[in-house]
Amino acid sequence: MKKSVMLELHRSSEGNEKTIQELKSLMDLIMGDISVKDEPVISKTLVRLSYDPDLIIRRLNRKVGKHKARLREGNWDIDSYESIDEFFNDRSSRSTCVKLEDLEQRIQERGAAQVAKELEVSRATLFRKLKKARENGSDIVE
């Protein structure tokens, strides 16, 4: 359901055109409408803003942007540690990158599906990361 707001701008005020342009830009962002009516009799400019709050909420809550898939080498399960301090002190056993040759060897030994599962990524992501590392000439897969 659309909602509307009426604004009155005094004609004697400076910057009304700039204000109206800024309101138009704002309404474009939220997919709303703006109508401007000049009333010389009362020396005011009437501005009516209409918008759909449900549409705004849907646009704000949509899932935008991809989350970067990270390789998780080592023990990332926080519940397997006795305390949170132990988890943070054991950083050296966890990594978000793997040597390219080690990864290729593991894929030959155990298969891509198993290695991808161990690293907590999909097979497609695993192969995409391998391809990117090869193209860049890197010996590390991130």
N, C-alpha and C. Protein backbone atom coordinates (compact mmCIF):
# COMPACT_ATOMS: atom_id res chain seq x y z
N MET A 1 0.85 -1.18 0.00
CA MET A 1 0.00 0.00 0.00
C MET A 1 0.90 1.24 0.00
N LYS A 2 0.63 2.12 -0.93
CA LYS A 2 1.45 3.32 -1.06
C LYS A 2 1.11 4.32 0.04
N LYS A 3 2.14 5.04 0.46
CA LYS A 3 1.97 6.12 1.43
C LYS A 3 2.40 7.41 0.76
N SER A 4 1.85 8.52 1.24
CA SER A 4 2.19 9.82 0.66
C SER A 4 2.55 10.81 1.75
N VAL A 5 3.42 11.75 1.38
CA VAL A 5 3.82 12.83 2.27
C VAL A 5 3.72 14.12 1.47
N MET A 6 3.10 15.14 2.06
CA MET A 6 3.01 16.45 1.40
C MET A 6 3.98 17.41 2.08
N LEU A 7 4.74 18.11 1.27
CA LEU A 7 5.67 19.11 1.76
C LEU A 7 5.31 20.47 1.16
N GLU A 8 5.46 21.52 1.95
CA GLU A 8 5.24 22.87 1.45
C GLU A 8 6.57 23.61 1.49
N LEU A 9 6.97 24.14 0.34
CA LEU A 9 8.19 24.93 0.26
C LEU A 9 7.79 26.37 0.00
N HIS A 10 8.33 27.30 0.79
CA HIS A 10 8.04 28.71 0.57
C HIS A 10 8.71 29.16 -0.70
N ARG A 11 7.98 29.89 -1.51
CA ARG A 11 8.52 30.33 -2.80
C ARG A 11 9.67 31.31 -2.62
N SER A 12 9.68 32.00 -1.51
CA SER A 12 10.74 32.98 -1.29
C SER A 12 12.05 32.32 -0.85
N SER A 13 11.98 31.07 -0.46
CA SER A 13 13.18 30.37 0.01
C SER A 13 14.12 30.11 -1.15
N GLU A 14 15.41 30.26 -0.86
CA GLU A 14 16.42 29.94 -1.87
C GLU A 14 16.73 28.45 -1.82
N GLY A 15 17.07 27.90 -2.95
CA GLY A 15 17.45 26.49 -2.99
C GLY A 15 16.30 25.53 -3.16
N ASN A 16 15.10 26.03 -3.49
CA ASN A 16 13.97 25.12 -3.67
C ASN A 16 14.21 24.15 -4.83
N GLU A 17 14.76 24.64 -5.93
CA GLU A 17 15.02 23.78 -7.09
C GLU A 17 16.01 22.69 -6.73
N LYS A 18 17.05 23.07 -5.98
CA LYS A 18 18.04 22.09 -5.56
C LYS A 18 17.41 21.05 -4.64
N THR A 19 16.57 21.50 -3.72
CA THR A 19 15.87 20.60 -2.80
C THR A 19 14.99 19.63 -3.57
N ILE A 20 14.27 20.15 -4.56
CA ILE A 20 13.38 19.30 -5.35
C ILE A 20 14.20 18.28 -6.14
N GLN A 21 15.34 18.67 -6.69
CA GLN A 21 16.20 17.73 -7.42
C GLN A 21 16.73 16.63 -6.49
N GLU A 22 17.10 17.01 -5.27
CA GLU A 22 17.57 16.02 -4.31
C GLU A 22 16.45 15.06 -3.91
N LEU A 23 15.24 15.58 -3.77
CA LEU A 23 14.09 14.72 -3.45
C LEU A 23 13.81 13.76 -4.62
N LYS A 24 13.95 14.24 -5.85
CA LYS A 24 13.75 13.37 -7.01
C LYS A 24 14.77 12.24 -7.01
N SER A 25 16.02 12.57 -6.70
CA SER A 25 17.06 11.54 -6.63
C SER A 25 16.75 10.52 -5.56
N LEU A 26 16.28 11.00 -4.41
CA LEU A 26 15.93 10.11 -3.31
C LEU A 26 14.77 9.20 -3.71
N MET A 27 13.76 9.77 -4.34
CA MET A 27 12.60 8.96 -4.74
C MET A 27 12.98 7.94 -5.81
N ASP A 28 13.95 8.27 -6.66
CA ASP A 28 14.44 7.29 -7.64
C ASP A 28 15.08 6.11 -6.93
N LEU A 29 15.82 6.38 -5.87
CA LEU A 29 16.47 5.30 -5.12
C LEU A 29 15.47 4.36 -4.47
N ILE A 30 14.39 4.92 -3.94
CA ILE A 30 13.42 4.08 -3.24
C ILE A 30 12.22 3.73 -4.12
N MET A 31 12.36 4.00 -5.42
CA MET A 31 11.32 3.68 -6.40
C MET A 31 9.99 4.33 -6.05
N GLY A 32 10.05 5.59 -5.67
CA GLY A 32 8.85 6.34 -5.33
C GLY A 32 8.55 7.37 -6.40
N ASP A 33 7.43 8.07 -6.21
CA ASP A 33 7.01 9.11 -7.15
C ASP A 33 7.05 10.46 -6.47
N ILE A 34 7.27 11.48 -7.27
CA ILE A 34 7.25 12.85 -6.75
C ILE A 34 6.45 13.70 -7.73
N SER A 35 5.60 14.54 -7.17
CA SER A 35 4.87 15.49 -8.02
C SER A 35 5.02 16.87 -7.40
N VAL A 36 5.29 17.85 -8.25
CA VAL A 36 5.54 19.22 -7.80
C VAL A 36 4.44 20.10 -8.39
N LYS A 37 3.82 20.89 -7.53
CA LYS A 37 2.76 21.79 -7.97
C LYS A 37 3.04 23.18 -7.41
N ASP A 38 3.14 24.15 -8.29
CA ASP A 38 3.42 25.52 -7.87
C ASP A 38 2.08 26.22 -7.59
N GLU A 39 1.94 26.82 -6.42
CA GLU A 39 0.72 27.53 -6.03
C GLU A 39 1.04 29.00 -5.82
N PRO A 40 0.93 29.83 -6.87
CA PRO A 40 1.27 31.25 -6.73
C PRO A 40 0.34 32.01 -5.79
N VAL A 41 -0.89 31.52 -5.64
CA VAL A 41 -1.86 32.21 -4.78
C VAL A 41 -1.41 32.22 -3.33
N ILE A 42 -0.84 31.11 -2.87
CA ILE A 42 -0.42 31.03 -1.47
C ILE A 42 1.10 31.17 -1.32
N SER A 43 1.78 31.47 -2.41
CA SER A 43 3.24 31.67 -2.43
C SER A 43 4.00 30.45 -1.91
N LYS A 44 3.53 29.27 -2.31
CA LYS A 44 4.19 28.04 -1.88
C LYS A 44 4.28 27.06 -3.05
N THR A 45 5.22 26.18 -2.93
CA THR A 45 5.35 25.06 -3.87
C THR A 45 5.00 23.80 -3.10
N LEU A 46 4.03 23.05 -3.59
CA LEU A 46 3.60 21.82 -2.93
C LEU A 46 4.31 20.63 -3.57
N VAL A 47 4.90 19.82 -2.74
CA VAL A 47 5.62 18.63 -3.21
C VAL A 47 4.97 17.42 -2.56
N ARG A 48 4.56 16.47 -3.40
CA ARG A 48 3.92 15.25 -2.89
C ARG A 48 4.85 14.08 -3.19
N LEU A 49 5.24 13.38 -2.13
CA LEU A 49 6.10 12.20 -2.25
C LEU A 49 5.25 10.96 -1.98
N SER A 50 5.25 9.98 -2.88
CA SER A 50 4.55 8.73 -2.65
C SER A 50 5.53 7.58 -2.78
N TYR A 51 5.36 6.61 -1.90
CA TYR A 51 6.29 5.47 -1.87
C TYR A 51 5.57 4.26 -1.30
N ASP A 52 6.15 3.11 -1.54
CA ASP A 52 5.61 1.85 -1.04
C ASP A 52 6.57 1.31 0.02
N PRO A 53 6.20 1.38 1.31
CA PRO A 53 7.11 0.91 2.36
C PRO A 53 7.47 -0.57 2.23
N ASP A 54 6.54 -1.40 1.76
CA ASP A 54 6.83 -2.83 1.61
C ASP A 54 7.91 -3.06 0.55
N LEU A 55 7.85 -2.29 -0.53
CA LEU A 55 8.86 -2.40 -1.57
C LEU A 55 10.23 -1.98 -1.06
N ILE A 56 10.27 -0.93 -0.27
CA ILE A 56 11.54 -0.47 0.31
C ILE A 56 12.13 -1.54 1.22
N ILE A 57 11.30 -2.13 2.07
CA ILE A 57 11.77 -3.18 2.99
C ILE A 57 12.28 -4.38 2.21
N ARG A 58 11.57 -4.77 1.14
CA ARG A 58 12.02 -5.90 0.32
C ARG A 58 13.37 -5.61 -0.33
N ARG A 59 13.56 -4.39 -0.81
CA ARG A 59 14.83 -4.04 -1.45
C ARG A 59 15.96 -4.00 -0.43
N LEU A 60 15.68 -3.59 0.79
CA LEU A 60 16.72 -3.52 1.81
C LEU A 60 17.11 -4.90 2.32
N ASN A 61 16.18 -5.82 2.33
CA ASN A 61 16.43 -7.13 2.93
C ASN A 61 16.81 -8.21 1.92
N ARG A 62 16.91 -7.87 0.65
CA ARG A 62 17.26 -8.90 -0.32
C ARG A 62 18.71 -9.31 -0.13
N LYS A 63 19.01 -10.49 -0.57
CA LYS A 63 20.36 -11.04 -0.42
C LYS A 63 21.22 -10.55 -1.58
N VAL A 64 21.96 -9.49 -1.36
CA VAL A 64 22.81 -8.95 -2.42
C VAL A 64 24.27 -9.18 -2.06
N GLY A 65 25.07 -9.32 -3.06
CA GLY A 65 26.50 -9.52 -2.83
C GLY A 65 26.79 -10.96 -2.48
N LYS A 66 27.80 -11.51 -3.09
CA LYS A 66 28.17 -12.88 -2.79
C LYS A 66 29.08 -12.91 -1.58
N HIS A 67 28.91 -13.93 -0.80
CA HIS A 67 29.83 -14.16 0.30
C HIS A 67 31.02 -14.93 -0.26
N LYS A 68 32.19 -14.51 0.09
CA LYS A 68 33.38 -15.15 -0.46
C LYS A 68 33.56 -16.52 0.17
N ALA A 69 33.67 -17.51 -0.68
CA ALA A 69 33.91 -18.88 -0.20
C ALA A 69 35.38 -19.01 0.18
N ARG A 70 35.62 -19.45 1.38
CA ARG A 70 36.99 -19.60 1.87
C ARG A 70 37.28 -21.07 2.12
N LEU A 71 38.48 -21.46 1.75
CA LEU A 71 38.94 -22.81 2.06
C LEU A 71 39.21 -22.87 3.56
N ARG A 72 38.81 -23.96 4.18
CA ARG A 72 39.03 -24.09 5.62
C ARG A 72 39.88 -25.32 5.89
N GLU A 73 41.17 -25.10 5.92
CA GLU A 73 42.13 -26.17 6.17
C GLU A 73 42.36 -26.26 7.68
N GLY A 74 42.30 -27.45 8.23
CA GLY A 74 42.51 -27.64 9.66
C GLY A 74 41.19 -27.71 10.41
N ASN A 75 41.26 -27.62 11.73
CA ASN A 75 40.09 -27.76 12.59
C ASN A 75 39.45 -26.40 12.86
N TRP A 76 38.34 -26.12 12.20
CA TRP A 76 37.63 -24.85 12.36
C TRP A 76 36.41 -25.00 13.28
N ASP A 77 36.17 -26.19 13.79
CA ASP A 77 35.01 -26.43 14.65
C ASP A 77 35.28 -25.92 16.06
N ILE A 78 34.67 -24.80 16.39
CA ILE A 78 34.92 -24.15 17.68
C ILE A 78 34.42 -25.00 18.84
N ASP A 79 33.41 -25.85 18.59
CA ASP A 79 32.86 -26.68 19.66
C ASP A 79 33.80 -27.81 20.07
N SER A 80 34.75 -28.14 19.22
CA SER A 80 35.68 -29.22 19.56
C SER A 80 36.78 -28.77 20.52
N TYR A 81 36.87 -27.50 20.79
CA TYR A 81 37.88 -26.97 21.71
C TYR A 81 37.29 -26.82 23.10
N GLU A 82 38.14 -26.92 24.10
CA GLU A 82 37.72 -26.80 25.49
C GLU A 82 37.23 -25.38 25.82
N SER A 83 37.93 -24.39 25.28
CA SER A 83 37.56 -23.00 25.55
C SER A 83 37.79 -22.16 24.30
N ILE A 84 37.25 -20.97 24.32
CA ILE A 84 37.43 -20.05 23.20
C ILE A 84 38.89 -19.63 23.08
N ASP A 85 39.56 -19.52 24.23
CA ASP A 85 40.98 -19.16 24.21
C ASP A 85 41.81 -20.22 23.50
N GLU A 86 41.47 -21.49 23.74
CA GLU A 86 42.19 -22.58 23.09
C GLU A 86 42.00 -22.50 21.57
N PHE A 87 40.78 -22.16 21.14
CA PHE A 87 40.50 -22.01 19.71
C PHE A 87 41.37 -20.93 19.10
N PHE A 88 41.46 -19.77 19.77
CA PHE A 88 42.24 -18.66 19.22
C PHE A 88 43.75 -18.91 19.33
N ASN A 89 44.18 -19.64 20.34
CA ASN A 89 45.61 -19.94 20.49
C ASN A 89 46.09 -20.99 19.48
N ASP A 90 45.16 -21.73 18.89
CA ASP A 90 45.51 -22.80 17.96
C ASP A 90 45.40 -22.32 16.50
N ARG A 91 45.62 -21.05 16.26
CA ARG A 91 45.49 -20.48 14.91
C ARG A 91 46.45 -21.11 13.91
N SER A 92 47.60 -21.52 14.37
CA SER A 92 48.61 -22.05 13.45
C SER A 92 48.16 -23.35 12.78
N SER A 93 47.20 -24.05 13.35
CA SER A 93 46.75 -25.31 12.75
C SER A 93 45.62 -25.09 11.74
N ARG A 94 45.15 -23.85 11.63
CA ARG A 94 44.08 -23.53 10.68
C ARG A 94 44.59 -22.57 9.62
N SER A 95 44.02 -22.69 8.43
CA SER A 95 44.44 -21.81 7.35
C SER A 95 43.30 -21.66 6.35
N THR A 96 43.34 -20.56 5.60
CA THR A 96 42.36 -20.37 4.52
C THR A 96 43.02 -20.52 3.16
N CYS A 97 44.22 -21.05 3.14
CA CYS A 97 44.90 -21.30 1.87
C CYS A 97 45.65 -22.63 1.95
N VAL A 98 45.85 -23.23 0.77
CA VAL A 98 46.50 -24.53 0.67
C VAL A 98 47.49 -24.46 -0.49
N LYS A 99 48.61 -25.18 -0.37
CA LYS A 99 49.57 -25.23 -1.47
C LYS A 99 48.93 -25.94 -2.66
N LEU A 100 49.18 -25.42 -3.84
CA LEU A 100 48.58 -25.94 -5.07
C LEU A 100 48.96 -27.41 -5.28
N GLU A 101 50.24 -27.74 -5.15
CA GLU A 101 50.66 -29.13 -5.40
C GLU A 101 50.07 -30.09 -4.37
N ASP A 102 49.95 -29.64 -3.10
CA ASP A 102 49.34 -30.50 -2.08
C ASP A 102 47.87 -30.76 -2.40
N LEU A 103 47.20 -29.72 -2.84
CA LEU A 103 45.78 -29.85 -3.16
C LEU A 103 45.58 -30.77 -4.36
N GLU A 104 46.40 -30.62 -5.39
CA GLU A 104 46.28 -31.50 -6.56
C GLU A 104 46.55 -32.95 -6.19
N GLN A 105 47.53 -33.17 -5.31
CA GLN A 105 47.84 -34.53 -4.87
C GLN A 105 46.67 -35.12 -4.08
N ARG A 106 46.10 -34.33 -3.19
CA ARG A 106 44.95 -34.81 -2.40
C ARG A 106 43.77 -35.15 -3.30
N ILE A 107 43.56 -34.37 -4.36
CA ILE A 107 42.45 -34.64 -5.28
C ILE A 107 42.70 -35.96 -6.01
N GLN A 108 43.94 -36.23 -6.41
CA GLN A 108 44.26 -37.50 -7.07
C GLN A 108 44.08 -38.67 -6.13
N GLU A 109 44.44 -38.51 -4.87
CA GLU A 109 44.34 -39.61 -3.91
C GLU A 109 42.92 -39.88 -3.46
N ARG A 110 42.18 -38.83 -3.13
CA ARG A 110 40.86 -39.02 -2.51
C ARG A 110 39.68 -38.60 -3.37
N GLY A 111 39.93 -37.86 -4.42
CA GLY A 111 38.84 -37.39 -5.27
C GLY A 111 38.44 -35.97 -4.91
N ALA A 112 37.94 -35.26 -5.91
CA ALA A 112 37.61 -33.85 -5.74
C ALA A 112 36.45 -33.64 -4.76
N ALA A 113 35.47 -34.51 -4.81
CA ALA A 113 34.31 -34.34 -3.93
C ALA A 113 34.71 -34.43 -2.46
N GLN A 114 35.55 -35.39 -2.13
CA GLN A 114 35.98 -35.57 -0.74
C GLN A 114 36.85 -34.39 -0.28
N VAL A 115 37.76 -33.94 -1.14
CA VAL A 115 38.64 -32.83 -0.78
C VAL A 115 37.81 -31.55 -0.59
N ALA A 116 36.86 -31.33 -1.50
CA ALA A 116 36.00 -30.15 -1.38
C ALA A 116 35.20 -30.19 -0.08
N LYS A 117 34.72 -31.37 0.29
CA LYS A 117 33.97 -31.52 1.53
C LYS A 117 34.85 -31.21 2.74
N GLU A 118 36.09 -31.68 2.71
CA GLU A 118 37.04 -31.42 3.80
C GLU A 118 37.33 -29.93 3.94
N LEU A 119 37.40 -29.24 2.80
CA LEU A 119 37.70 -27.80 2.81
C LEU A 119 36.45 -26.93 2.97
N GLU A 120 35.28 -27.58 3.05
CA GLU A 120 33.99 -26.91 3.25
C GLU A 120 33.63 -25.96 2.12
N VAL A 121 33.88 -26.39 0.88
CA VAL A 121 33.44 -25.65 -0.31
C VAL A 121 32.85 -26.66 -1.28
N SER A 122 32.15 -26.15 -2.30
CA SER A 122 31.61 -27.04 -3.31
C SER A 122 32.73 -27.46 -4.28
N ARG A 123 32.46 -28.52 -5.06
CA ARG A 123 33.45 -28.96 -6.05
C ARG A 123 33.71 -27.86 -7.06
N ALA A 124 32.62 -27.18 -7.47
CA ALA A 124 32.77 -26.11 -8.46
C ALA A 124 33.67 -24.99 -7.92
N THR A 125 33.48 -24.64 -6.66
CA THR A 125 34.32 -23.60 -6.05
C THR A 125 35.77 -24.07 -5.96
N LEU A 126 35.96 -25.33 -5.61
CA LEU A 126 37.31 -25.87 -5.52
C LEU A 126 38.02 -25.77 -6.87
N PHE A 127 37.35 -26.20 -7.93
CA PHE A 127 37.96 -26.15 -9.26
C PHE A 127 38.15 -24.72 -9.75
N ARG A 128 37.22 -23.83 -9.40
CA ARG A 128 37.37 -22.42 -9.77
C ARG A 128 38.60 -21.82 -9.09
N LYS A 129 38.80 -22.14 -7.83
CA LYS A 129 39.97 -21.63 -7.10
C LYS A 129 41.27 -22.23 -7.65
N LEU A 130 41.24 -23.51 -8.01
CA LEU A 130 42.41 -24.13 -8.63
C LEU A 130 42.75 -23.44 -9.95
N LYS A 131 41.75 -23.22 -10.78
CA LYS A 131 41.96 -22.57 -12.07
C LYS A 131 42.54 -21.17 -11.90
N LYS A 132 41.99 -20.44 -10.93
CA LYS A 132 42.47 -19.08 -10.69
C LYS A 132 43.94 -19.09 -10.24
N ALA A 133 44.30 -20.02 -9.38
CA ALA A 133 45.68 -20.12 -8.91
C ALA A 133 46.62 -20.46 -10.07
N ARG A 134 46.20 -21.39 -10.93
CA ARG A 134 47.04 -21.77 -12.08
C ARG A 134 47.22 -20.59 -13.05
N GLU A 135 46.12 -19.87 -13.33
CA GLU A 135 46.18 -18.75 -14.26
C GLU A 135 47.08 -17.64 -13.73
N ASN A 136 47.05 -17.44 -12.42
CA ASN A 136 47.85 -16.38 -11.83
C ASN A 136 49.30 -16.81 -11.57
N GLY A 137 49.58 -18.09 -11.80
CA GLY A 137 50.93 -18.59 -11.56
C GLY A 137 51.26 -18.70 -10.08
N SER A 138 50.25 -18.80 -9.26
CA SER A 138 50.45 -18.88 -7.81
C SER A 138 50.62 -20.34 -7.38
N ASP A 139 51.41 -20.55 -6.36
CA ASP A 139 51.55 -21.90 -5.82
C ASP A 139 50.67 -22.08 -4.59
N ILE A 140 49.85 -21.09 -4.29
CA ILE A 140 48.91 -21.11 -3.15
C ILE A 140 47.50 -20.96 -3.67
N VAL A 141 46.59 -21.81 -3.19
CA VAL A 141 45.17 -21.70 -3.54
C VAL A 141 44.47 -21.06 -2.36
N GLU A 142 43.80 -19.96 -2.62
CA GLU A 142 43.08 -19.25 -1.54
C GLU A 142 41.60 -19.41 -1.70
